[in-house]
């Protein structure tokens, strides 16, 4: 089996067997009901029974299959690369990556549309996700496959795409995320700025804003680890991007989207409301994007320590954005909500993975109907 095409065709056939005839074994493996060794033993037996191959070729097929099942096929080297943060599969032969903030071609591809579609089916099955016309857009997270990264998937199927191939985007979130000292060494900020942010984060509510992939979550992850051990912390998030390495009293809740197969769903609003009854000293929302903004704002106004990230083109506009979200749920006027925003006394603006500006809110100007800010850094 020296021919690469033949290897690929045999691997596709074997994966197809497990997606159709032996899906139970895949689900047992994912749910922890089958050990890796037992799964590979089952695959070895299946190859010997169904594939007439020389011993060396059978061993190669099993090795290819193991890499496919326990990794992510041709994407595995990209996932392993610590310098790559994002992977975008636009077509079977068009895979793009973001390496150190720069977008470029990945220089890898699937062999055909068929192989790519089979991979999409497998990735969904592996993560216990159903893809169909009723679930044409899916978001899911794999926290187990890779020792270094949490993998956040966004998948859209041809039903909603202009072209006939699925789109697959993968965001890699480091499990062993950098601490504040690491971020100083990486050039995200200077040491005096880091010391000030730690002090401010412990004493007043903080809003971290910026564009996509600007470092918002990375900084929030590091800052929350500096909170004293005697504070109880609750993190509410859509995807499991915020984790902890050291803090002993941190709980994490994530949203559960409704699917066509089930009616159970918990959005950020629902879990934020529940979270506020959990005897929490510090309330954190990983990414503010809806009605949960009102509950974070109300908590901050009562004096509770709060923090979150939000997309914004400037620190001054972050308050407007949060108020926009809060108005989805609120009977307050816009001016009333804006006046409440002075409880977020620290605003951090991220740009190109650096702390660009840090502002202190010194209150609401009733005459000008605007928040007043002083620049700290």
Protein backbone atom coordinates (compact mmCIF):
# COMPACT_ATOMS: atom_id res chain seq x y z
CA UNK A 1 0.00 0.00 0.00
CA UNK A 2 2.63 2.48 -1.09
CA UNK A 3 0.21 4.57 -3.12
CA UNK A 4 -0.98 7.62 -1.10
CA UNK A 5 -4.33 7.68 -2.90
CA UNK A 6 -4.91 4.03 -1.99
CA UNK A 7 -4.11 4.76 1.65
CA UNK A 8 -6.57 7.63 1.63
CA UNK A 9 -9.30 5.55 -0.01
CA UNK A 10 -8.85 2.71 2.48
CA UNK A 11 -8.95 5.15 5.39
CA UNK A 12 -12.15 6.73 4.04
CA UNK A 13 -13.70 3.28 3.74
CA UNK A 14 -12.73 2.33 7.28
CA UNK A 15 -13.99 5.62 8.73
CA UNK A 16 -17.20 5.07 6.76
CA UNK A 17 -17.58 1.66 8.39
CA UNK A 18 -17.40 3.23 11.84
CA UNK A 19 -19.76 6.08 10.96
CA UNK A 20 -22.39 3.70 9.58
CA UNK A 21 -22.03 0.17 10.94
CA UNK A 22 -20.00 0.75 14.11
CA UNK A 23 -21.17 4.12 15.38
CA UNK A 24 -21.88 2.58 18.80
CA UNK A 25 -18.16 2.04 19.36
CA UNK A 26 -17.43 5.68 18.48
CA UNK A 27 -20.03 6.89 20.97
CA UNK A 28 -18.75 4.56 23.68
CA UNK A 29 -15.23 5.83 23.10
CA UNK A 30 -16.38 9.44 23.34
CA UNK A 31 -18.41 8.84 26.49
CA UNK A 32 -15.64 6.96 28.25
CA UNK A 33 -17.34 3.58 28.00
CA UNK A 34 -14.49 2.13 25.93
CA UNK A 35 -10.76 2.56 26.45
CA UNK A 36 -8.49 3.58 23.60
CA UNK A 37 -6.73 0.20 23.61
CA UNK A 38 -10.02 -1.69 23.37
CA UNK A 39 -11.22 0.56 20.54
CA UNK A 40 -8.03 0.01 18.54
CA UNK A 41 -8.23 -3.73 19.20
CA UNK A 42 -11.76 -3.67 17.75
CA UNK A 43 -10.49 -1.75 14.71
CA UNK A 44 -7.58 -4.18 14.26
CA UNK A 45 -10.02 -7.09 14.29
CA UNK A 46 -12.35 -5.32 11.85
CA UNK A 47 -9.47 -4.67 9.42
CA UNK A 48 -8.32 -8.28 9.56
CA UNK A 49 -11.89 -9.54 8.98
CA UNK A 50 -13.03 -7.12 6.26
CA UNK A 51 -9.85 -5.97 4.49
CA UNK A 52 -7.58 -8.36 2.64
CA UNK A 53 -4.29 -6.60 3.29
CA UNK A 54 -0.72 -7.69 3.92
CA UNK A 55 0.28 -7.39 7.57
CA UNK A 56 2.40 -4.27 6.99
CA UNK A 57 -0.40 -2.48 5.11
CA UNK A 58 -2.97 -3.46 7.74
CA UNK A 59 -0.70 -1.99 10.43
CA UNK A 60 -0.34 1.23 8.40
CA UNK A 61 -4.11 1.50 7.97
CA UNK A 62 -4.63 1.05 11.70
CA UNK A 63 -2.05 3.78 12.40
CA UNK A 64 -3.77 6.16 9.94
CA UNK A 65 -7.13 5.35 11.52
CA UNK A 66 -5.81 6.00 15.04
CA UNK A 67 -4.50 9.41 13.98
CA UNK A 68 -7.86 10.18 12.39
CA UNK A 69 -9.95 9.07 15.37
CA UNK A 70 -7.83 10.43 18.21
CA UNK A 71 -6.83 13.55 16.34
CA UNK A 72 -8.50 15.47 13.52
CA UNK A 73 -7.08 13.93 10.34
CA UNK A 74 -5.15 16.40 8.14
CA UNK A 75 -5.98 19.20 10.60
CA UNK A 76 -4.09 17.50 13.45
CA UNK A 77 -0.70 19.16 12.72
CA UNK A 78 -2.44 22.55 12.62
CA UNK A 79 -4.12 21.86 15.95
CA UNK A 80 -0.79 20.75 17.42
CA UNK A 81 1.01 23.93 16.31
CA UNK A 82 1.03 26.33 19.30
CA UNK A 83 1.48 29.37 17.03
CA UNK A 84 -1.82 28.74 15.21
CA UNK A 85 -4.92 30.15 16.94
CA UNK A 86 -7.61 29.64 14.29
CA UNK A 87 -8.33 27.18 11.47
CA UNK A 88 -10.90 27.89 8.74
CA UNK A 89 -11.90 25.15 6.29
CA UNK A 90 -13.62 26.90 3.39
CA UNK A 91 -13.42 23.91 1.04
CA UNK A 92 -11.74 20.52 0.92
CA UNK A 93 -8.68 22.05 -0.75
CA UNK A 94 -8.91 25.54 0.79
CA UNK A 95 -7.81 25.60 4.43
CA UNK A 96 -6.74 28.87 6.02
CA UNK A 97 -5.04 29.50 9.36
CA UNK A 98 -4.20 32.41 11.62
CA UNK A 99 -0.60 32.13 12.82
CA UNK A 100 0.57 34.73 15.32
CA UNK A 101 -2.29 37.00 14.25
CA UNK A 102 -1.62 36.71 10.49
CA UNK A 103 -3.91 34.86 8.09
CA UNK A 104 -2.32 32.51 5.56
CA UNK A 105 -2.78 29.30 3.62
CA UNK A 106 -2.39 26.15 5.72
CA UNK A 107 -0.69 24.21 2.90
CA UNK A 108 -2.67 21.09 3.68
CA UNK A 109 -5.91 19.79 2.17
CA UNK A 110 -8.32 16.90 2.11
CA UNK A 111 -8.03 14.68 -0.94
CA UNK A 112 -11.60 15.26 -2.13
CA UNK A 113 -14.99 16.74 -1.28
CA UNK A 114 -16.08 13.24 -0.25
CA UNK A 115 -13.22 12.89 2.24
CA UNK A 116 -13.91 16.35 3.69
CA UNK A 117 -17.64 15.68 4.09
CA UNK A 118 -16.85 12.36 5.75
CA UNK A 119 -14.50 14.19 8.12
CA UNK A 120 -17.26 16.68 8.99
CA UNK A 121 -19.64 13.80 9.75
CA UNK A 122 -17.00 12.17 11.92
CA UNK A 123 -16.16 15.39 13.82
CA UNK A 124 -19.86 15.86 14.58
CA UNK A 125 -20.32 12.26 15.71
CA UNK A 126 -17.19 12.42 17.83
CA UNK A 127 -18.60 15.44 19.65
CA UNK A 128 -22.14 14.02 19.90
CA UNK A 129 -23.58 16.63 17.55
CA UNK A 130 -26.32 16.02 14.99
CA UNK A 131 -25.98 17.70 11.62
CA UNK A 132 -28.98 17.83 9.33
CA UNK A 133 -31.18 20.38 7.60
CA UNK A 134 -32.78 20.97 11.00
CA UNK A 135 -29.36 21.67 12.55
CA UNK A 136 -27.51 23.31 9.68
CA UNK A 137 -25.50 25.61 11.96
CA UNK A 138 -23.80 24.00 14.95
CA UNK A 139 -21.39 25.21 17.60
CA UNK A 140 -19.67 22.72 19.86
CA UNK A 141 -16.59 22.39 22.03
CA UNK A 142 -14.09 19.55 22.40
CA UNK A 143 -12.31 19.76 25.75
CA UNK A 144 -10.82 16.25 25.73
CA UNK A 145 -9.09 15.37 22.46
CA UNK A 146 -6.02 17.59 22.80
CA UNK A 147 -3.82 17.87 25.90
CA UNK A 148 -2.96 21.53 25.27
CA UNK A 149 -6.04 23.11 23.69
CA UNK A 150 -9.79 23.39 24.05
CA UNK A 151 -11.23 23.29 20.52
CA UNK A 152 -14.27 25.47 19.75
CA UNK A 153 -16.02 24.49 16.51
CA UNK A 154 -18.48 26.45 14.40
CA UNK A 155 -19.94 24.40 11.55
CA UNK A 156 -22.35 25.54 8.84
CA UNK A 157 -23.77 23.09 6.34
CA UNK A 158 -24.57 23.60 2.61
CA UNK A 159 -28.24 24.32 3.37
CA UNK A 160 -27.25 27.80 4.59
CA UNK A 161 -24.02 28.21 2.60
CA UNK A 162 -23.91 29.77 -0.85
CA UNK A 163 -21.60 27.00 -2.03
CA UNK A 164 -22.09 23.26 -1.63
CA UNK A 165 -19.34 22.43 0.86
CA UNK A 166 -19.56 22.80 4.64
CA UNK A 167 -17.66 25.59 6.37
CA UNK A 168 -15.75 24.63 9.49
CA UNK A 169 -14.04 27.11 11.82
CA UNK A 170 -11.95 26.00 14.79
CA UNK A 171 -10.78 28.34 17.55
CA UNK A 172 -7.99 26.91 19.74
CA UNK A 173 -8.04 27.97 23.38
CA UNK A 174 -4.95 27.04 25.44
CA UNK A 175 -5.74 24.88 28.47
CA UNK A 176 -2.57 26.06 30.16
CA UNK A 177 -3.20 29.71 29.50
CA UNK A 178 -0.56 32.39 30.15
CA UNK A 179 -0.46 34.14 33.52
CA UNK A 180 0.07 37.88 33.95
CA UNK A 181 3.85 37.52 34.17
CA UNK A 182 3.79 35.57 30.88
CA UNK A 183 1.75 38.29 29.20
CA UNK A 184 4.25 40.93 30.34
CA UNK A 185 7.08 38.83 28.87
CA UNK A 186 5.09 38.42 25.64
CA UNK A 187 4.75 42.20 25.31
CA UNK A 188 1.01 42.51 25.97
CA UNK A 189 1.74 45.20 28.58
CA UNK A 190 4.52 46.63 30.73
CA UNK A 191 5.01 45.47 34.32
CA UNK A 192 3.60 48.68 35.92
CA UNK A 193 0.45 48.30 33.83
CA UNK A 194 0.10 44.63 34.87
CA UNK A 195 0.44 45.52 38.55
CA UNK A 196 -2.18 48.26 38.20
CA UNK A 197 -4.62 45.96 36.37
CA UNK A 198 -4.31 43.29 39.07
CA UNK A 199 -4.98 45.87 41.78
CA UNK A 200 -7.95 47.36 39.92
CA UNK A 201 -9.42 43.98 39.00
CA UNK A 202 -9.57 43.00 42.67
CA UNK A 203 -11.29 46.20 43.77
CA UNK A 204 -13.71 47.35 41.05
CA UNK A 205 -15.79 46.00 38.18
CA UNK A 206 -13.91 45.69 34.89
CA UNK A 207 -14.94 45.61 31.24
CA UNK A 208 -12.41 44.33 28.70
CA UNK A 209 -13.20 45.34 25.11
CA UNK A 210 -11.70 45.13 21.64
CA UNK A 211 -12.09 43.42 18.27
CA UNK A 212 -11.90 39.76 17.30
CA UNK A 213 -8.78 37.89 18.47
CA UNK A 214 -7.43 41.00 20.20
CA UNK A 215 -6.54 39.20 23.44
CA UNK A 216 -9.65 39.97 25.52
CA UNK A 217 -10.24 36.42 26.76
CA UNK A 218 -6.52 35.80 27.28
CA UNK A 219 -6.23 38.82 29.56
CA UNK A 220 -9.45 38.01 31.46
CA UNK A 221 -8.29 34.44 32.00
CA UNK A 222 -5.02 35.68 33.50
CA UNK A 223 -6.58 38.42 35.62
CA UNK A 224 -9.15 36.17 37.27
CA UNK A 225 -6.34 33.87 38.45
CA UNK A 226 -5.00 36.77 40.52
CA UNK A 227 -8.16 36.98 42.64
CA UNK A 228 -7.65 36.04 46.31
CA UNK A 229 -8.50 32.45 47.26
CA UNK A 230 -11.10 33.63 49.79
CA UNK A 231 -13.33 35.05 47.01
CA UNK A 232 -15.95 32.81 45.41
CA UNK A 233 -15.98 33.22 41.62
CA UNK A 234 -18.62 32.30 39.05
CA UNK A 235 -17.83 32.26 35.33
CA UNK A 236 -20.72 32.19 32.83
CA UNK A 237 -19.81 31.64 29.19
CA UNK A 238 -21.10 30.36 25.88
CA UNK A 239 -18.04 28.23 25.08
CA UNK A 240 -15.58 26.75 27.55
CA UNK A 241 -12.82 29.28 26.91
CA UNK A 242 -12.24 30.48 30.47
CA UNK A 243 -10.78 27.84 32.76
CA UNK A 244 -8.74 27.88 35.94
CA UNK A 245 -5.34 26.55 36.90
CA UNK A 246 -5.03 27.75 40.48
CA UNK A 247 -8.12 29.39 41.96
CA UNK A 248 -9.80 26.93 44.38
CA UNK A 249 -13.28 28.48 44.48
CA UNK A 250 -14.29 29.04 40.86
CA UNK A 251 -17.40 27.54 39.26
CA UNK A 252 -18.07 27.51 35.52
CA UNK A 253 -21.44 27.41 33.75
CA UNK A 254 -21.93 27.31 30.00
CA UNK A 255 -24.97 27.79 27.78
CA UNK A 256 -26.76 24.86 26.11
CA UNK A 257 -28.34 25.73 22.74
CA UNK A 258 -31.64 24.17 21.72
CA UNK A 259 -31.49 21.68 18.85
CA UNK A 260 -34.17 20.25 16.60
CA UNK A 261 -33.98 16.94 18.47
CA UNK A 262 -34.56 18.40 21.92
CA UNK A 263 -36.33 21.24 23.65
CA UNK A 264 -33.79 21.71 26.44
CA UNK A 265 -31.83 24.96 26.25
CA UNK A 266 -30.08 27.30 28.67
CA UNK A 267 -28.92 30.63 27.33
CA UNK A 268 -26.52 33.05 29.01
CA UNK A 269 -29.44 35.00 30.41
CA UNK A 270 -30.91 31.94 32.17
CA UNK A 271 -27.66 30.77 33.69
CA UNK A 272 -26.71 34.34 34.68
CA UNK A 273 -29.95 34.64 36.67
CA UNK A 274 -29.29 31.28 38.35
CA UNK A 275 -25.67 32.15 38.99
CA UNK A 276 -26.52 35.28 40.91
CA UNK A 277 -28.16 33.12 43.61
CA UNK A 278 -25.00 31.07 44.19
CA UNK A 279 -23.31 33.14 46.92
CA UNK A 280 -20.84 34.70 44.49
CA UNK A 281 -18.22 37.35 45.31
CA UNK A 282 -17.06 37.86 41.72
CA UNK A 283 -19.37 37.39 38.73
CA UNK A 284 -17.74 37.00 35.28
CA UNK A 285 -19.35 36.67 31.85
CA UNK A 286 -16.92 35.34 29.28
CA UNK A 287 -18.36 37.25 26.34
CA UNK A 288 -21.32 39.62 26.67
CA UNK A 289 -23.59 39.38 23.64
CA UNK A 290 -27.23 39.52 24.74
CA UNK A 291 -29.80 40.04 27.50
CA UNK A 292 -27.40 38.69 30.15
CA UNK A 293 -25.81 42.17 30.04
CA UNK A 294 -28.64 43.53 32.20
CA UNK A 295 -28.00 41.03 34.99
CA UNK A 296 -24.27 41.71 34.95
CA UNK A 297 -24.97 45.44 35.06
CA UNK A 298 -27.46 45.08 37.93
CA UNK A 299 -24.98 42.96 39.88
CA UNK A 300 -22.22 45.54 39.38
CA UNK A 301 -24.57 48.32 40.51
CA UNK A 302 -25.18 46.53 43.81
CA UNK A 303 -21.46 46.63 44.51
CA UNK A 304 -20.70 43.06 43.48
CA UNK A 305 -17.34 42.62 41.78
CA UNK A 306 -18.04 41.92 38.09
CA UNK A 307 -16.06 41.48 34.89
CA UNK A 308 -16.63 40.54 31.28
CA UNK A 309 -15.48 40.95 27.70
CA UNK A 310 -17.36 42.67 24.90
CA UNK A 311 -16.67 43.47 21.26
CA UNK A 312 -16.10 47.17 20.69
CA UNK A 313 -14.10 49.44 18.41
CA UNK A 314 -13.03 51.68 21.33
CA UNK A 315 -13.22 51.68 25.14
CA UNK A 316 -15.66 54.60 25.11
CA UNK A 317 -18.08 52.68 22.86
CA UNK A 318 -17.97 49.56 25.04
CA UNK A 319 -20.50 51.09 27.44
CA UNK A 320 -22.86 51.85 24.54
CA UNK A 321 -22.59 48.26 23.36
CA UNK A 322 -23.33 46.77 26.77
CA UNK A 323 -26.32 49.09 27.18
CA UNK A 324 -27.59 48.04 23.73
CA UNK A 325 -27.62 44.43 24.94
CA UNK A 326 -29.18 45.35 28.29
CA UNK A 327 -32.05 47.10 26.51
CA UNK A 328 -33.14 43.75 25.02
CA UNK A 329 -34.36 42.81 28.49
CA UNK A 330 -34.91 46.11 30.27
CA UNK A 331 -37.67 48.68 30.77
CA UNK A 332 -35.03 51.24 31.79
CA UNK A 333 -34.39 54.16 29.44
CA UNK A 334 -31.07 54.34 27.62
CA UNK A 335 -29.92 57.26 29.77
CA UNK A 336 -30.78 55.36 32.96
CA UNK A 337 -28.74 52.37 31.82
CA UNK A 338 -25.84 54.58 30.73
CA UNK A 339 -25.87 56.25 34.13
CA UNK A 340 -25.63 52.79 35.74
CA UNK A 341 -22.55 52.03 33.63
CA UNK A 342 -20.34 54.14 35.90
CA UNK A 343 -20.16 51.08 38.16
CA UNK A 344 -17.74 49.59 35.60
CA UNK A 345 -14.93 51.80 36.73
CA UNK A 346 -12.14 50.10 34.76
CA UNK A 347 -12.24 49.78 30.96
CA UNK A 348 -9.44 47.95 29.17
CA UNK A 349 -9.16 48.24 25.40
CA UNK A 350 -7.27 45.47 23.60
CA UNK A 351 -5.78 45.79 20.13
CA UNK A 352 -3.46 43.39 18.29
CA UNK A 353 -2.93 41.31 21.43
CA UNK A 354 -1.79 44.33 23.43
CA UNK A 355 -3.32 46.47 26.15
CA UNK A 356 -3.91 49.59 24.07
CA UNK A 357 -5.64 51.80 26.65
CA UNK A 358 -6.87 51.59 30.23
CA UNK A 359 -9.53 54.07 31.30
CA UNK A 360 -11.03 54.90 34.70
CA UNK A 361 -14.67 55.97 34.75
CA UNK A 362 -15.13 58.96 37.06
CA UNK A 363 -18.88 59.20 36.72
CA UNK A 364 -21.84 60.35 34.68
CA UNK A 365 -22.14 63.90 33.38
CA UNK A 366 -25.84 64.70 33.72
CA UNK A 367 -25.63 67.86 31.61
CA UNK A 368 -23.79 66.25 28.70
CA UNK A 369 -25.48 62.86 29.16
CA UNK A 370 -22.25 60.95 28.89
CA UNK A 371 -19.77 58.98 30.95
CA UNK A 372 -16.51 60.68 31.87
CA UNK A 373 -13.22 58.83 31.60
CA UNK A 374 -9.61 59.43 32.58
CA UNK A 375 -6.81 57.53 30.88
CA UNK A 376 -4.60 55.55 33.28
CA UNK A 377 -2.40 53.81 30.70
